[in-house]
N, C-alpha and C. Protein backbone atom coordinates (compact mmCIF):
# COMPACT_ATOMS: atom_id res chain seq x y z
N UNK A 1 138.18 84.53 96.31
CA UNK A 1 138.43 85.56 97.31
C UNK A 1 137.40 86.67 97.14
N UNK A 2 136.81 87.15 98.24
CA UNK A 2 135.81 88.20 98.15
C UNK A 2 136.38 89.50 97.62
N UNK A 3 135.52 90.30 97.02
CA UNK A 3 135.92 91.61 96.53
C UNK A 3 136.34 92.48 97.71
N UNK A 4 137.13 93.51 97.43
CA UNK A 4 137.54 94.42 98.49
C UNK A 4 136.33 95.18 98.99
N UNK A 5 136.17 95.23 100.29
CA UNK A 5 135.05 95.95 100.86
C UNK A 5 135.52 97.24 101.51
N UNK A 6 134.57 98.09 101.77
CA UNK A 6 134.84 99.37 102.39
C UNK A 6 135.47 99.17 103.77
N UNK A 7 136.26 100.14 104.21
CA UNK A 7 136.84 100.05 105.54
C UNK A 7 135.80 100.26 106.63
N UNK A 8 134.67 100.86 106.27
CA UNK A 8 133.61 101.07 107.24
C UNK A 8 132.79 99.81 107.44
N UNK A 9 132.13 99.72 108.59
CA UNK A 9 131.25 98.59 108.82
C UNK A 9 129.82 99.04 108.60
N UNK A 10 128.94 98.10 108.26
CA UNK A 10 127.55 98.49 108.03
C UNK A 10 126.94 99.04 109.31
N UNK A 11 126.09 100.03 109.15
CA UNK A 11 125.41 100.58 110.30
C UNK A 11 124.38 99.56 110.77
N UNK A 12 124.51 99.14 112.00
CA UNK A 12 123.65 98.08 112.54
C UNK A 12 122.18 98.45 112.46
N UNK A 13 121.84 99.70 112.75
CA UNK A 13 120.42 100.09 112.73
C UNK A 13 119.83 100.02 111.33
N UNK A 14 120.63 100.32 110.32
CA UNK A 14 120.13 100.25 108.94
C UNK A 14 119.91 98.81 108.53
N UNK A 15 120.88 97.95 108.82
CA UNK A 15 120.75 96.54 108.49
C UNK A 15 119.57 95.93 109.25
N UNK A 16 119.43 96.27 110.51
CA UNK A 16 118.32 95.78 111.31
C UNK A 16 116.99 96.26 110.74
N UNK A 17 116.94 97.49 110.30
CA UNK A 17 115.72 98.03 109.69
C UNK A 17 115.33 97.23 108.45
N UNK A 18 116.31 96.95 107.61
CA UNK A 18 116.02 96.17 106.39
C UNK A 18 115.47 94.79 106.75
N UNK A 19 116.04 94.16 107.74
CA UNK A 19 115.56 92.83 108.15
C UNK A 19 114.14 92.92 108.69
N UNK A 20 113.86 93.93 109.51
CA UNK A 20 112.51 94.12 110.04
C UNK A 20 111.50 94.39 108.92
N UNK A 21 111.88 95.23 107.98
CA UNK A 21 110.97 95.55 106.88
C UNK A 21 110.69 94.31 106.04
N UNK A 22 111.72 93.52 105.77
CA UNK A 22 111.52 92.28 105.00
C UNK A 22 110.70 91.28 105.80
N UNK A 23 110.86 91.27 107.11
CA UNK A 23 110.10 90.36 107.96
C UNK A 23 108.61 90.67 107.87
N UNK A 24 108.29 91.90 107.63
CA UNK A 24 106.89 92.33 107.51
C UNK A 24 106.17 91.59 106.37
N UNK A 25 106.94 91.18 105.35
CA UNK A 25 106.35 90.43 104.23
C UNK A 25 106.79 88.96 104.24
N UNK A 26 107.31 88.53 105.37
CA UNK A 26 107.69 87.13 105.51
C UNK A 26 109.07 86.79 105.00
N UNK A 27 109.89 87.79 104.71
CA UNK A 27 111.21 87.55 104.14
C UNK A 27 112.36 88.03 105.03
N UNK A 28 112.11 88.14 106.34
CA UNK A 28 113.15 88.62 107.25
C UNK A 28 114.37 87.72 107.29
N UNK A 29 114.15 86.42 107.41
CA UNK A 29 115.28 85.48 107.45
C UNK A 29 116.03 85.48 106.12
N UNK A 30 115.30 85.60 105.04
CA UNK A 30 115.93 85.65 103.72
C UNK A 30 116.78 86.91 103.57
N UNK A 31 116.26 88.05 104.05
CA UNK A 31 117.02 89.30 103.98
C UNK A 31 118.29 89.19 104.81
N UNK A 32 118.16 88.64 106.01
CA UNK A 32 119.33 88.48 106.87
C UNK A 32 120.40 87.63 106.19
N UNK A 33 119.99 86.51 105.63
CA UNK A 33 120.94 85.62 104.95
C UNK A 33 121.54 86.30 103.72
N UNK A 34 120.71 87.02 102.98
CA UNK A 34 121.18 87.70 101.77
C UNK A 34 122.23 88.76 102.13
N UNK A 35 121.98 89.53 103.18
CA UNK A 35 122.95 90.54 103.62
C UNK A 35 124.23 89.90 104.11
N UNK A 36 124.11 88.78 104.82
CA UNK A 36 125.31 88.07 105.29
C UNK A 36 126.11 87.54 104.11
N UNK A 37 125.42 86.98 103.11
CA UNK A 37 126.11 86.49 101.91
C UNK A 37 126.80 87.64 101.18
N UNK A 38 126.10 88.75 101.05
CA UNK A 38 126.69 89.91 100.37
C UNK A 38 127.97 90.35 101.08
N UNK A 39 127.91 90.46 102.39
CA UNK A 39 129.04 90.99 103.16
C UNK A 39 130.18 90.00 103.29
N UNK A 40 129.87 88.78 103.73
CA UNK A 40 130.93 87.83 104.03
C UNK A 40 131.41 87.03 102.81
N UNK A 41 130.50 86.58 101.97
CA UNK A 41 130.90 85.74 100.84
C UNK A 41 131.30 86.54 99.60
N UNK A 42 130.60 87.66 99.38
CA UNK A 42 130.84 88.43 98.16
C UNK A 42 131.63 89.71 98.39
N UNK A 43 131.87 90.05 99.65
CA UNK A 43 132.62 91.27 99.95
C UNK A 43 131.85 92.54 99.65
N UNK A 44 130.52 92.45 99.66
CA UNK A 44 129.69 93.61 99.37
C UNK A 44 129.86 94.71 100.41
N UNK A 45 129.75 95.94 99.96
CA UNK A 45 129.89 97.11 100.81
C UNK A 45 128.53 97.50 101.37
N UNK A 46 128.23 97.07 102.59
CA UNK A 46 126.94 97.35 103.20
C UNK A 46 126.84 98.76 103.74
N UNK A 47 127.88 99.57 103.53
CA UNK A 47 127.78 100.99 103.85
C UNK A 47 127.28 101.77 102.63
N UNK A 48 127.21 101.11 101.49
CA UNK A 48 126.74 101.72 100.25
C UNK A 48 125.23 101.57 100.16
N UNK A 49 124.53 102.69 100.18
CA UNK A 49 123.06 102.66 100.17
C UNK A 49 122.51 101.96 98.92
N UNK A 50 123.19 102.11 97.79
CA UNK A 50 122.73 101.46 96.56
C UNK A 50 122.76 99.94 96.69
N UNK A 51 123.77 99.41 97.36
CA UNK A 51 123.88 97.97 97.60
C UNK A 51 122.73 97.51 98.49
N UNK A 52 122.43 98.30 99.53
CA UNK A 52 121.35 97.95 100.44
C UNK A 52 119.99 98.01 99.76
N UNK A 53 119.78 99.02 98.93
CA UNK A 53 118.50 99.15 98.21
C UNK A 53 118.33 97.98 97.25
N UNK A 54 119.38 97.61 96.55
CA UNK A 54 119.31 96.47 95.62
C UNK A 54 119.00 95.18 96.38
N UNK A 55 119.65 94.98 97.51
CA UNK A 55 119.40 93.78 98.32
C UNK A 55 117.95 93.75 98.79
N UNK A 56 117.44 94.90 99.22
CA UNK A 56 116.06 94.98 99.69
C UNK A 56 115.09 94.65 98.55
N UNK A 57 115.35 95.18 97.38
CA UNK A 57 114.49 94.90 96.23
C UNK A 57 114.52 93.42 95.86
N UNK A 58 115.69 92.81 95.97
CA UNK A 58 115.82 91.39 95.66
C UNK A 58 115.08 90.51 96.67
N UNK A 59 114.77 91.08 97.82
CA UNK A 59 114.03 90.34 98.85
C UNK A 59 112.58 90.80 98.94
N UNK A 60 112.09 91.49 97.91
CA UNK A 60 110.67 91.80 97.83
C UNK A 60 110.22 93.15 98.32
N UNK A 61 111.13 94.01 98.73
CA UNK A 61 110.74 95.33 99.19
C UNK A 61 110.76 96.32 98.03
N UNK A 62 109.99 97.37 98.15
CA UNK A 62 109.93 98.41 97.13
C UNK A 62 111.20 99.26 97.20
N UNK A 63 111.99 99.24 96.13
CA UNK A 63 113.29 99.93 96.11
C UNK A 63 113.15 101.43 96.34
N UNK A 64 112.18 102.06 95.71
CA UNK A 64 112.00 103.50 95.87
C UNK A 64 111.65 103.86 97.31
N UNK A 65 110.79 103.07 97.92
CA UNK A 65 110.40 103.33 99.31
C UNK A 65 111.59 103.12 100.25
N UNK A 66 112.35 102.07 100.04
CA UNK A 66 113.53 101.81 100.86
C UNK A 66 114.53 102.94 100.69
N UNK A 67 114.75 103.38 99.47
CA UNK A 67 115.68 104.48 99.19
C UNK A 67 115.28 105.74 99.95
N UNK A 68 113.98 106.05 99.93
CA UNK A 68 113.49 107.24 100.64
C UNK A 68 113.69 107.10 102.15
N UNK A 69 113.36 105.94 102.69
CA UNK A 69 113.49 105.73 104.13
C UNK A 69 114.95 105.75 104.58
N UNK A 70 115.83 105.17 103.79
CA UNK A 70 117.25 105.18 104.16
C UNK A 70 117.84 106.58 104.08
N UNK A 71 117.31 107.41 103.21
CA UNK A 71 117.81 108.78 103.06
C UNK A 71 117.26 109.72 104.13
N UNK A 72 116.28 109.27 104.85
CA UNK A 72 115.65 110.13 105.85
C UNK A 72 116.02 109.71 107.26
N UNK A 73 115.50 110.42 108.20
CA UNK A 73 115.71 110.06 109.60
C UNK A 73 114.71 109.01 110.04
N UNK A 74 113.88 108.51 109.13
CA UNK A 74 112.84 107.55 109.45
C UNK A 74 113.40 106.16 109.80
N UNK A 75 114.63 105.88 109.43
CA UNK A 75 115.18 104.54 109.57
C UNK A 75 115.02 103.96 110.97
N UNK A 76 115.45 104.67 111.98
CA UNK A 76 115.37 104.12 113.33
C UNK A 76 113.94 104.02 113.82
N UNK A 77 113.10 104.99 113.45
CA UNK A 77 111.71 104.95 113.89
C UNK A 77 110.92 103.86 113.17
N UNK A 78 111.12 103.70 111.87
CA UNK A 78 110.33 102.72 111.14
C UNK A 78 110.74 101.29 111.45
N UNK A 79 111.99 101.07 111.86
CA UNK A 79 112.39 99.71 112.21
C UNK A 79 111.60 99.25 113.43
N UNK A 80 111.31 100.17 114.33
CA UNK A 80 110.53 99.81 115.51
C UNK A 80 109.07 99.53 115.14
N UNK A 81 108.55 100.27 114.17
CA UNK A 81 107.15 100.07 113.76
C UNK A 81 107.02 99.01 112.68
N UNK A 82 108.16 98.61 112.09
CA UNK A 82 108.17 97.60 111.03
C UNK A 82 107.22 97.98 109.89
N UNK A 83 107.37 99.21 109.39
CA UNK A 83 106.45 99.74 108.40
C UNK A 83 107.14 99.91 107.05
N UNK A 84 106.71 99.18 106.07
CA UNK A 84 107.08 99.40 104.68
C UNK A 84 106.19 98.53 103.81
N UNK A 85 105.65 99.09 102.75
CA UNK A 85 104.74 98.30 101.92
C UNK A 85 105.49 97.26 101.07
N UNK A 86 104.94 96.07 100.95
CA UNK A 86 105.58 95.03 100.14
C UNK A 86 105.42 95.32 98.65
N UNK A 87 106.36 94.82 97.87
CA UNK A 87 106.28 94.94 96.43
C UNK A 87 105.80 93.64 95.81
N UNK A 88 106.19 92.52 96.41
CA UNK A 88 105.84 91.20 95.89
C UNK A 88 105.23 90.35 97.00
N UNK A 89 104.61 89.23 96.65
CA UNK A 89 104.07 88.33 97.68
C UNK A 89 105.17 87.77 98.57
N UNK A 90 104.81 87.37 99.77
CA UNK A 90 105.78 86.85 100.74
C UNK A 90 106.48 85.59 100.27
N UNK A 91 105.95 84.90 99.30
CA UNK A 91 106.57 83.66 98.83
C UNK A 91 107.82 83.91 98.00
N UNK A 92 108.10 85.16 97.65
CA UNK A 92 109.27 85.49 96.85
C UNK A 92 110.52 85.33 97.70
N UNK A 93 111.52 84.66 97.17
CA UNK A 93 112.76 84.44 97.89
C UNK A 93 113.89 85.24 97.27
N UNK A 94 114.91 85.49 98.04
CA UNK A 94 116.11 86.14 97.53
C UNK A 94 116.84 85.15 96.65
N UNK A 95 117.63 85.66 95.71
CA UNK A 95 118.38 84.75 94.85
C UNK A 95 119.39 83.94 95.67
N UNK A 96 119.67 82.75 95.22
CA UNK A 96 120.63 81.88 95.90
C UNK A 96 122.02 82.49 95.79
N UNK A 97 122.82 82.24 96.77
CA UNK A 97 124.18 82.74 96.77
C UNK A 97 124.96 82.10 95.63
N UNK A 98 125.80 82.90 94.99
CA UNK A 98 126.58 82.39 93.87
C UNK A 98 127.95 81.92 94.31
N UNK A 99 128.23 81.95 95.62
CA UNK A 99 129.54 81.53 96.09
C UNK A 99 129.65 80.01 96.08
N UNK A 100 130.82 79.53 95.77
CA UNK A 100 131.06 78.09 95.72
C UNK A 100 131.44 77.59 97.11
N UNK A 101 131.05 76.37 97.41
CA UNK A 101 131.41 75.79 98.72
C UNK A 101 132.83 75.30 98.72
């Protein structure tokens, strides 16, 4: 059974921004799947910025840069420009889901 999650739902623009930023380094689909696994399979709280920053780092984005962008008003503007510097090569994948089938 998934962990208890927050009563709030993830902000769509923030999640979309993370996917766009990861797509910039070739990991957009991986970020999307990782966020879905976190939310649906693991009960992760996608309203928690720390959870989002950790997920972004696990998908190759620079955690400090993501943290700064999420804390600012840049989120909606940067998702449109798809701007964030990569931390690792695009071949880096997110960790496999630990949920059992």
